[in-house]
Every structure is written in structure tokens, then in C-alpha cells.
């Protein structure tokens, strides 16, 4: 079994093992129903780990008491649970009074943009980036403007501050930040985020910070909440958080608006009541349990993801050395450059048709995704190995 080296940092921690493939195929979520059984699904951001026991217990208790109605007043339990988690993990002193909920992070983004921009305003994104950003901005009334991440073979990816500056100087009014950055698993440095806040403030712009992958920051990286990097960031930011990605709760529907200034808090509080009341009750119950009692489970999941990111590097070096890969430092999503394989602009098509492996098309992440795919490693070592074996059988080594 592949696992992390035993150090003082992880002594006493046990990796969480992904479910067996036969059991996974009994799930009815998108990952396990989108393709026929002969296809190995390594695409959508669902993980294969069993539900965290504290979350399962909280949901089971809710079912036992037939607690399946609309959300009511939870006495601040969910907001307090998130604030405690943020303080322990990121040294972020969150005021629970500035935390509220809705259905999912996409809704947080849309509703935040609706109160921050005017119809027709341009919003900056940094491709390659989460594909729905291209749709969420128009849904909120805005227009997409791209400031692609800077990239070099030596340094990898980073925020191109000059590109963001140019976009804002040309009239863009907001930045939709992905942090940690999907699909790269890139954890932006505090220095980079601080510099971004200075650029945004200089142009009188605002930020919506999608930080859904933050709880899945690996043990050898450090996540910095954007809202904490400067006083300016506190004044111009609405952050989006959720337990859904880390704890695999997307179907339960709960995400958080988090603010740290009177201006931004008032904007969220003045949203229509329905924005919050559409939160799923099971989602809020699960979120509270996850943030309050799920950390031991989460540590074990991250250990397994870290083992898989190393395993992927080994498998690619041995079987597909032409593939470009940089280990992520957050989440269980990886970005692979398959352009040297001769599989065309959209190698995901070849992967599906010839290897029967479903991965995300790089093209959906922006034009920077030509020749790339996104691969999900939130699975067992056996499934990951089979996936690379299948892909390698299509492409000759060397």
C-alpha cells in the first residue's frame, strides 16, 4: 500500500482508503452514472472516499428524527463551526455573524457578483480555470475578460499581476479569484495575493474569492484566505466557502458567504431572503458536523491524496514520460499536458474512445487547455494505476 512517510507531523494519522470499485459503481451520482461501466471515471470533482463518520452520524440522526424540512435557525452552529475550522487551519478570525449560507458555491458567486457589479461590467478570470466561471459571470449580468495565469516550465503557474492590472485599467470592475486554483491544485502565496489586493484596490475594483478547495490544501502547503491579506482585501471581498468538495457533500447543497467588512456584510444581508432559505437542511447539518468534527478524517484523506499525487508522478515517469505533470498542492485534481502524445487539441476524446478513461477536456478550462486534460486522483491507488495503464496502452512510451 502506498502511503506517506511517517513523520512527527503525521504520526498517529491513518490515510483514509477509497471505496472498492464494485461499491463505488452502486453510487447514483454523476461520476458513476455519466458513462457505461466499462469506462473508468476520473473526471468530475467527486471523490471515492467513504463519508466521514461524524457527517454520516449527523445525517443518520437527522433521518431518525425525520428532520427533513426547511432550514430554520440553528443558533449559529454552522457559522461557528466554520469559524472554528478557519481559525484552527488558517489562523483566520472569522466573525460568525458575517457568515451566511446558500445552496452551493456557484450560487455564492452569482449572487455576490449581482450585488457587486452593474449589468455589462467586465469580470476578470485567470484561465486555465474552473469552466463554469465562463457561464456564472454572464448569469450575474457581467462579461468575461481573461487575464491568463503566467506560466513557465521552470516556475509553473502564478497570477499574472500585470495582466490583471491591464484588464482592470481597461474597465473591468471585478476579479473572480479561484484559490486554490482549479484545475492546477495551485496554492497562491500570501505575497501574490497581497500584491493582487493592491492592484484591485488601486482600480477601485472588487473580488469574489472562490475558496472551495481550501480545506483540501495538502500538508506541505499553506493556504492563505484572500480576505486576510490586507485591509483593502477585507473591504472589497466576498469569499465563497463550502465543505462540499473536501467532504464530498455536493448533493446536499450548502455553501457559505464570508465577509469581513461592514460594506460587504451589508451587501450579503440585503440579498433576497430566498438566497439563504434555499440552503439544504441536510447540507447545513453535514457542513456543521464536517467543520466541527471531521478534521481527523480530512487529514487521512489528504494523506491518501498526497500518496496518489506521488504515485501519479511515478506512473507517468515510467509509462508516459512525454506527459507534462506538476504535483498539485491542493485538492485531488491534476492538470496533465498530453500535447506531446499527438492526440490532438482535445486528448480527452482519445482517452475516452480508445482507453475508456473519462477525464475532463482541457479545452473547457480556456484556450490554455489545448492538449491538456484534468485527471481526478481522489480514488484508490489501484484505480489510479489502472487509469494510467489504460492511457499508456494507447500511447507508446518515449
Protein backbone atom coordinates (compact mmCIF):
# COMPACT_ATOMS: atom_id res chain seq x y z
CA UNK A 1 0.00 0.00 0.00
CA UNK A 2 1.32 3.42 -0.93
CA UNK A 3 1.33 5.91 1.89
CA UNK A 4 3.17 8.93 3.30
CA UNK A 5 6.47 8.64 5.11
CA UNK A 6 5.97 8.53 8.88
CA UNK A 7 6.99 11.84 10.41
CA UNK A 8 6.20 13.69 13.59
CA UNK A 9 3.64 15.69 11.61
CA UNK A 10 1.58 12.63 10.69
CA UNK A 11 2.32 10.12 13.46
CA UNK A 12 -0.97 8.66 14.63
CA UNK A 13 -2.75 9.64 11.41
CA UNK A 14 -4.09 6.95 9.14
CA UNK A 15 -4.82 7.50 5.46
CA UNK A 16 -8.48 7.13 4.55
CA UNK A 17 -8.86 4.35 1.99
CA UNK A 18 -11.06 4.90 -1.06
CA UNK A 19 -14.05 2.62 -1.52
CA UNK A 20 -13.76 -0.53 -3.63
CA UNK A 21 -14.69 -0.10 -7.28
CA UNK A 22 -17.62 -2.53 -7.04
CA UNK A 23 -19.16 -0.50 -4.22
CA UNK A 24 -18.50 2.80 -5.98
CA UNK A 25 -20.42 1.59 -9.00
CA UNK A 26 -23.55 1.33 -6.82
CA UNK A 27 -23.49 5.11 -6.31
CA UNK A 28 -26.02 7.10 -8.34
CA UNK A 29 -24.11 10.42 -8.54
CA UNK A 30 -22.82 11.90 -11.80
CA UNK A 31 -19.38 10.32 -11.56
CA UNK A 32 -20.85 6.82 -11.57
CA UNK A 33 -23.78 7.24 -13.97
CA UNK A 34 -22.48 9.50 -16.74
CA UNK A 35 -20.66 6.68 -18.57
CA UNK A 36 -21.16 2.94 -19.09
CA UNK A 37 -19.49 0.52 -16.64
CA UNK A 38 -16.52 -0.22 -18.89
CA UNK A 39 -15.41 3.43 -18.61
CA UNK A 40 -13.16 4.35 -15.68
CA UNK A 41 -14.46 7.73 -14.42
CA UNK A 42 -11.61 10.05 -13.46
CA UNK A 43 -13.30 13.33 -14.36
CA UNK A 44 -15.86 15.22 -12.26
CA UNK A 45 -14.81 16.54 -8.84
CA UNK A 46 -16.31 13.80 -6.72
CA UNK A 47 -14.02 11.71 -4.53
CA UNK A 48 -14.17 7.97 -3.89
CA UNK A 49 -13.64 8.11 -0.13
CA UNK A 50 -16.29 6.90 2.32
CA UNK A 51 -18.35 9.57 4.03
CA UNK A 52 -16.71 10.95 7.18
CA UNK A 53 -18.19 9.16 10.20
CA UNK A 54 -19.20 12.38 12.04
CA UNK A 55 -21.05 13.52 8.93
CA UNK A 56 -22.72 10.14 8.42
CA UNK A 57 -23.77 10.06 12.07
CA UNK A 58 -25.24 13.55 11.93
CA UNK A 59 -27.24 12.74 8.80
CA UNK A 60 -28.40 9.40 10.18
CA UNK A 61 -29.61 11.13 13.34
CA UNK A 62 -31.50 13.67 11.23
CA UNK A 63 -33.22 10.88 9.30
CA UNK A 64 -34.07 9.05 12.52
CA UNK A 65 -35.86 12.12 13.84
CA UNK A 66 -37.45 12.78 10.40
CA UNK A 67 -35.68 16.14 10.27
CA UNK A 68 -36.17 16.72 6.55
CA UNK A 69 -37.89 20.09 6.33
CA UNK A 70 -36.77 23.61 5.50
CA UNK A 71 -33.83 25.23 7.25
CA UNK A 72 -34.62 27.12 10.41
CA UNK A 73 -32.50 28.94 12.95
CA UNK A 74 -29.59 26.74 14.00
CA UNK A 75 -28.42 29.18 16.66
CA UNK A 76 -25.28 29.98 14.70
CA UNK A 77 -23.99 26.39 14.87
CA UNK A 78 -22.86 26.15 11.25
CA UNK A 79 -21.24 29.59 11.18
CA UNK A 80 -19.49 28.84 14.44
CA UNK A 81 -18.25 25.51 13.14
CA UNK A 82 -16.76 27.15 10.07
CA UNK A 83 -15.21 29.94 12.13
CA UNK A 84 -13.57 27.37 14.40
CA UNK A 85 -12.23 25.41 11.43
CA UNK A 86 -10.88 28.56 9.76
CA UNK A 87 -9.14 29.60 12.96
CA UNK A 88 -7.52 26.22 13.54
CA UNK A 89 -6.41 25.68 9.96
CA UNK A 90 -5.71 29.13 8.55
CA UNK A 91 -5.40 31.39 11.63
CA UNK A 92 -8.34 33.35 10.23
CA UNK A 93 -10.51 35.02 12.86
CA UNK A 94 -13.91 34.73 11.22
CA UNK A 95 -16.83 36.56 12.80
CA UNK A 96 -19.72 34.05 12.72
CA UNK A 97 -22.11 36.99 12.36
CA UNK A 98 -20.56 37.62 8.94
CA UNK A 99 -21.22 34.08 7.67
CA UNK A 100 -24.40 33.05 5.85
CA UNK A 101 -25.38 30.19 3.58
CA UNK A 102 -26.95 29.30 0.26
CA UNK A 103 -27.15 26.24 -1.97
CA UNK A 104 -23.65 25.97 -3.45
CA UNK A 105 -20.55 27.94 -4.34
CA UNK A 106 -21.80 28.67 -7.85
CA UNK A 107 -24.78 30.46 -6.29
CA UNK A 108 -22.47 32.34 -3.92
CA UNK A 109 -20.51 33.55 -6.95
CA UNK A 110 -23.55 34.59 -8.97
CA UNK A 111 -25.36 36.32 -6.11
CA UNK A 112 -22.17 38.06 -4.93
CA UNK A 113 -21.47 39.37 -8.42
CA UNK A 114 -25.06 40.56 -8.79
CA UNK A 115 -24.62 42.94 -5.86
CA UNK A 116 -21.06 43.95 -6.73
CA UNK A 117 -21.26 44.79 -10.45
CA UNK A 118 -23.56 46.59 -12.84
CA UNK A 119 -25.07 44.86 -15.89
CA UNK A 120 -22.44 44.67 -18.61
CA UNK A 121 -19.46 45.13 -16.28
CA UNK A 122 -16.43 43.01 -17.09
CA UNK A 123 -15.14 40.46 -14.61
CA UNK A 124 -11.58 39.12 -14.69
CA UNK A 125 -10.85 35.40 -14.60
CA UNK A 126 -7.47 33.66 -14.79
CA UNK A 127 -7.53 30.67 -17.15
CA UNK A 128 -6.96 27.81 -17.24
CA UNK A 129 -9.73 27.87 -14.67
CA UNK A 130 -12.92 26.14 -13.50
CA UNK A 131 -15.15 26.04 -16.62
CA UNK A 132 -18.43 27.27 -15.04
CA UNK A 133 -16.79 30.66 -14.42
CA UNK A 134 -17.44 31.36 -18.10
CA UNK A 135 -21.18 30.86 -17.51
CA UNK A 136 -21.61 32.23 -13.99
CA UNK A 137 -20.41 35.71 -14.89
CA UNK A 138 -22.98 36.21 -17.69
CA UNK A 139 -25.65 34.75 -15.39
CA UNK A 140 -24.84 37.55 -12.95
CA UNK A 141 -25.03 40.14 -15.74
CA UNK A 142 -21.32 40.54 -16.34
CA UNK A 143 -18.92 39.91 -19.20
CA UNK A 144 -15.85 37.71 -19.03
CA UNK A 145 -12.39 39.16 -19.55
CA UNK A 146 -9.37 36.90 -19.31
CA UNK A 147 -6.05 37.55 -17.56
CA UNK A 148 -4.41 34.15 -18.01
CA UNK A 149 -2.08 32.81 -15.38
CA UNK A 150 1.61 33.29 -16.07
CA UNK A 151 3.36 30.02 -16.88
CA UNK A 152 6.88 28.74 -17.31
CA UNK A 153 8.29 25.22 -17.37
CA UNK A 154 10.63 26.10 -14.51
CA UNK A 155 8.30 28.02 -12.18
CA UNK A 156 4.91 26.58 -13.08
CA UNK A 157 1.82 28.78 -12.87
CA UNK A 158 1.23 32.03 -10.98
CA UNK A 159 -1.07 35.05 -11.03
CA UNK A 160 -0.08 37.43 -13.81
CA UNK A 161 -0.44 40.67 -11.92
CA UNK A 162 0.37 42.78 -14.96
CA UNK A 163 -2.39 41.07 -16.95
CA UNK A 164 -4.89 41.68 -14.14
CA UNK A 165 -3.74 45.29 -13.92
CA UNK A 166 -4.28 45.78 -17.66
CA UNK A 167 -7.74 44.23 -17.50
CA UNK A 168 -8.82 46.46 -14.63
CA UNK A 169 -7.25 49.52 -16.25
CA UNK A 170 -9.30 48.81 -19.36
CA UNK A 171 -12.52 48.97 -17.36
CA UNK A 172 -13.08 45.60 -15.69
CA UNK A 173 -14.77 46.06 -12.31
CA UNK A 174 -14.24 42.76 -10.52
CA UNK A 175 -11.97 39.75 -10.20
CA UNK A 176 -13.31 36.21 -9.80
CA UNK A 177 -10.44 34.52 -7.98
CA UNK A 178 -10.02 30.75 -7.75
CA UNK A 179 -7.91 29.94 -4.70
CA UNK A 180 -6.62 27.24 -4.50
CA UNK A 181 -6.72 27.25 -8.27
CA UNK A 182 -8.73 24.59 -10.10
CA UNK A 183 -7.56 22.66 -12.21
CA UNK A 184 -3.93 23.12 -11.14
CA UNK A 185 -4.04 22.47 -7.42
CA UNK A 186 -2.10 25.73 -7.20
CA UNK A 187 -1.95 27.33 -3.74
CA UNK A 188 -1.36 31.03 -4.26
CA UNK A 189 1.27 32.54 -1.96
CA UNK A 190 0.40 35.22 0.56
CA UNK A 191 2.77 37.55 -1.28
CA UNK A 192 0.99 37.01 -4.59
CA UNK A 193 -2.44 37.53 -3.05
CA UNK A 194 -1.29 40.66 -1.23
CA UNK A 195 0.03 42.09 -4.48
CA UNK A 196 -3.28 41.23 -6.17
CA UNK A 197 -5.20 43.09 -3.45
CA UNK A 198 -3.08 46.17 -4.12
CA UNK A 199 -3.83 46.03 -7.84
CA UNK A 200 -7.56 45.57 -7.21
CA UNK A 201 -7.68 48.41 -4.69
CA UNK A 202 -5.77 50.78 -6.97
CA UNK A 203 -8.52 50.39 -9.56
CA UNK A 204 -11.40 50.54 -7.09
CA UNK A 205 -12.49 47.02 -8.07
CA UNK A 206 -13.91 44.13 -6.03
CA UNK A 207 -13.15 40.41 -5.61
CA UNK A 208 -15.24 37.28 -5.29
CA UNK A 209 -12.89 34.62 -3.94
CA UNK A 210 -13.88 31.03 -4.68
CA UNK A 211 -12.03 29.12 -1.94
CA UNK A 212 -13.96 25.85 -2.06
CA UNK A 213 -10.79 23.73 -2.34
CA UNK A 214 -9.11 25.38 0.67
CA UNK A 215 -9.87 22.58 3.19
CA UNK A 216 -8.08 20.19 0.82
CA UNK A 217 -4.78 22.07 0.96
CA UNK A 218 -2.07 19.47 1.33
CA UNK A 219 0.03 19.12 4.45
CA UNK A 220 3.13 20.51 2.72
CA UNK A 221 1.43 23.73 1.63
CA UNK A 222 -0.17 26.71 3.36
CA UNK A 223 -3.47 28.25 2.28
CA UNK A 224 -3.99 31.97 2.79
CA UNK A 225 -7.58 33.28 2.76
CA UNK A 226 -7.57 36.19 0.32
CA UNK A 227 -9.71 38.32 2.61
CA UNK A 228 -6.94 38.29 5.26
CA UNK A 229 -4.03 39.61 3.20
CA UNK A 230 -4.73 43.33 3.65
CA UNK A 231 -7.22 45.85 4.93
CA UNK A 232 -8.08 46.57 1.33
CA UNK A 233 -8.94 42.92 0.71
CA UNK A 234 -11.27 42.93 3.72
CA UNK A 235 -13.12 45.90 2.28
CA UNK A 236 -13.50 44.67 -1.30
CA UNK A 237 -14.06 40.89 -0.97
CA UNK A 238 -16.85 38.36 -0.63
CA UNK A 239 -15.45 34.87 -0.11
CA UNK A 240 -17.15 31.61 -1.08
CA UNK A 241 -16.55 28.55 1.10
CA UNK A 242 -18.06 25.10 1.48
CA UNK A 243 -17.39 21.69 2.99
CA UNK A 244 -18.76 20.10 -0.17
CA UNK A 245 -15.52 19.49 -2.06
CA UNK A 246 -13.42 18.28 0.87
CA UNK A 247 -16.12 16.08 2.39
CA UNK A 248 -17.87 15.07 -0.87
CA UNK A 249 -21.18 16.72 0.02
CA UNK A 250 -22.10 18.42 -3.26
CA UNK A 251 -25.51 16.74 -3.45
CA UNK A 252 -26.57 18.12 -0.07
CA UNK A 253 -26.43 21.79 -1.13
CA UNK A 254 -24.77 24.15 1.31
CA UNK A 255 -22.16 26.86 0.76
CA UNK A 256 -21.11 29.97 2.63
CA UNK A 257 -20.80 33.69 2.03
CA UNK A 258 -17.99 35.01 4.25
CA UNK A 259 -17.20 38.71 4.65
CA UNK A 260 -15.04 40.84 6.92
CA UNK A 261 -16.23 44.41 6.43
CA UNK A 262 -19.44 46.28 7.11
CA UNK A 263 -19.81 47.19 3.44
CA UNK A 264 -19.62 43.62 2.16
CA UNK A 265 -21.62 42.19 5.05
CA UNK A 266 -24.45 44.62 4.37
CA UNK A 267 -24.50 43.65 0.69
CA UNK A 268 -24.92 39.99 1.62
CA UNK A 269 -27.51 40.67 4.32
CA UNK A 270 -29.60 42.69 1.88
CA UNK A 271 -29.84 39.85 -0.65
CA UNK A 272 -33.30 38.33 -1.13
CA UNK A 273 -34.31 36.04 1.73
CA UNK A 274 -34.63 33.12 -0.68
CA UNK A 275 -30.87 33.14 -1.33
CA UNK A 276 -30.34 31.74 2.16
CA UNK A 277 -33.53 29.75 2.66
CA UNK A 278 -32.73 27.59 -0.37
CA UNK A 279 -29.86 26.07 1.60
CA UNK A 280 -30.39 22.32 2.02
CA UNK A 281 -31.11 21.33 5.61
CA UNK A 282 -29.07 18.15 5.21
CA UNK A 283 -26.32 20.26 3.69
CA UNK A 284 -26.20 22.53 6.72
CA UNK A 285 -26.29 19.60 9.13
CA UNK A 286 -23.46 17.86 7.26
CA UNK A 287 -21.43 21.07 6.95
CA UNK A 288 -21.64 21.73 10.68
CA UNK A 289 -20.52 18.19 11.51
CA UNK A 290 -17.73 18.25 8.94
CA UNK A 291 -16.17 21.52 10.08
CA UNK A 292 -16.63 20.74 13.77
CA UNK A 293 -15.74 17.05 13.96
CA UNK A 294 -14.33 15.93 10.59
CA UNK A 295 -10.70 17.02 10.79
CA UNK A 296 -9.17 13.64 11.64
CA UNK A 297 -10.95 12.11 8.64
CA UNK A 298 -9.87 15.01 6.43
CA UNK A 299 -6.23 14.63 7.47
CA UNK A 300 -6.39 10.98 6.44
CA UNK A 301 -7.96 11.85 3.09
CA UNK A 302 -5.24 14.39 2.38
CA UNK A 303 -2.59 11.79 3.24
CA UNK A 304 -4.12 9.48 0.63
CA UNK A 305 -4.31 12.25 -1.96
CA UNK A 306 -0.68 13.15 -1.36
CA UNK A 307 0.27 9.50 -1.81
CA UNK A 308 -1.66 9.44 -5.08
CA UNK A 309 -0.07 12.62 -6.39
CA UNK A 310 3.34 10.99 -5.87
CA UNK A 311 2.16 7.72 -7.37
CA UNK A 312 0.89 9.58 -10.43
CA UNK A 313 4.31 11.13 -10.93
CA UNK A 314 5.95 7.71 -10.72
CA UNK A 315 3.47 6.08 -13.10
CA UNK A 316 3.82 8.84 -15.66
CA UNK A 317 7.62 8.80 -15.48
CA UNK A 318 7.63 5.05 -16.06
CA UNK A 319 4.83 4.65 -18.59
CA UNK A 320 4.07 8.02 -20.19
CA UNK A 321 7.22 10.14 -19.81
CA UNK A 322 6.14 12.58 -22.53
CA UNK A 323 3.22 13.77 -20.38
CA UNK A 324 3.75 17.06 -18.57
CA UNK A 325 2.76 16.98 -14.89
CA UNK A 326 3.41 19.16 -11.86
CA UNK A 327 2.28 17.82 -8.49
CA UNK A 328 -0.67 19.76 -7.05
CA UNK A 329 -0.55 21.18 -3.55
CA UNK A 330 -4.31 21.25 -3.01
CA UNK A 331 -7.35 19.16 -3.87
CA UNK A 332 -7.42 15.88 -5.80
CA UNK A 333 -7.49 17.35 -9.30
CA UNK A 334 -4.42 17.26 -11.53
CA UNK A 335 -3.55 19.01 -14.80
CA UNK A 336 -1.79 16.95 -17.43
CA UNK A 337 -0.17 18.17 -20.64
CA UNK A 338 -0.69 15.44 -23.25
CA UNK A 339 0.22 17.61 -26.24
CA UNK A 340 3.38 15.60 -26.95
CA UNK A 341 1.36 12.42 -27.48
CA UNK A 342 -0.14 13.53 -30.77
CA UNK A 343 -3.71 13.10 -29.51
CA UNK A 344 -4.86 16.44 -30.89
CA UNK A 345 -6.23 19.57 -29.26
CA UNK A 346 -8.68 17.60 -27.12
CA UNK A 347 -6.93 14.45 -25.86
CA UNK A 348 -9.88 13.70 -23.58
CA UNK A 349 -11.66 12.39 -26.67
CA UNK A 350 -8.88 9.88 -27.34
CA UNK A 351 -8.75 8.91 -23.66
CA UNK A 352 -12.44 8.10 -23.66
CA UNK A 353 -12.72 6.44 -27.06
CA UNK A 354 -9.51 4.42 -27.07
CA UNK A 355 -8.63 3.93 -23.38
CA UNK A 356 -12.15 4.03 -21.91
CA UNK A 357 -10.99 6.57 -19.32
CA UNK A 358 -13.16 9.64 -18.71
CA UNK A 359 -11.19 12.79 -17.94
CA UNK A 360 -12.12 16.46 -18.27
CA UNK A 361 -11.31 18.17 -21.55
CA UNK A 362 -8.68 20.84 -21.10
CA UNK A 363 -10.43 22.99 -23.71
CA UNK A 364 -13.27 23.72 -21.29
CA UNK A 365 -10.81 25.48 -18.95
CA UNK A 366 -9.89 28.07 -21.60
CA UNK A 367 -7.72 28.13 -24.69
CA UNK A 368 -4.73 27.46 -22.46
CA UNK A 369 -6.12 23.94 -22.08
CA UNK A 370 -5.35 22.86 -25.65
CA UNK A 371 -3.68 19.45 -25.44
CA UNK A 372 -4.44 19.14 -21.72
CA UNK A 373 -6.80 17.13 -19.52
CA UNK A 374 -7.86 17.30 -15.89
CA UNK A 375 -7.49 13.99 -14.05
CA UNK A 376 -9.13 13.14 -10.70
CA UNK A 377 -6.84 11.33 -8.23
CA UNK A 378 -9.35 11.22 -5.37
CA UNK A 379 -9.52 7.47 -5.79
CA UNK A 380 -7.67 4.30 -4.76
CA UNK A 381 -4.10 3.64 -5.86
CA UNK A 382 -5.43 0.64 -7.78
CA UNK A 383 -7.94 2.70 -9.77
CA UNK A 384 -5.35 5.39 -10.49
CA UNK A 385 -2.86 2.77 -11.67
CA UNK A 386 -5.44 1.16 -13.92
CA UNK A 387 -6.30 4.53 -15.40
CA UNK A 388 -2.70 5.29 -16.31
CA UNK A 389 -2.20 1.73 -17.59
CA UNK A 390 -5.14 2.20 -19.94
CA UNK A 391 -3.86 5.54 -21.18
CA UNK A 392 -0.32 4.23 -21.59
CA UNK A 393 -1.59 1.37 -23.72
CA UNK A 394 -2.82 3.96 -26.23
CA UNK A 395 0.38 5.96 -26.27
CA UNK A 396 3.79 4.38 -26.92
CA UNK A 397 6.35 5.04 -24.18
CA UNK A 398 9.06 7.52 -25.06
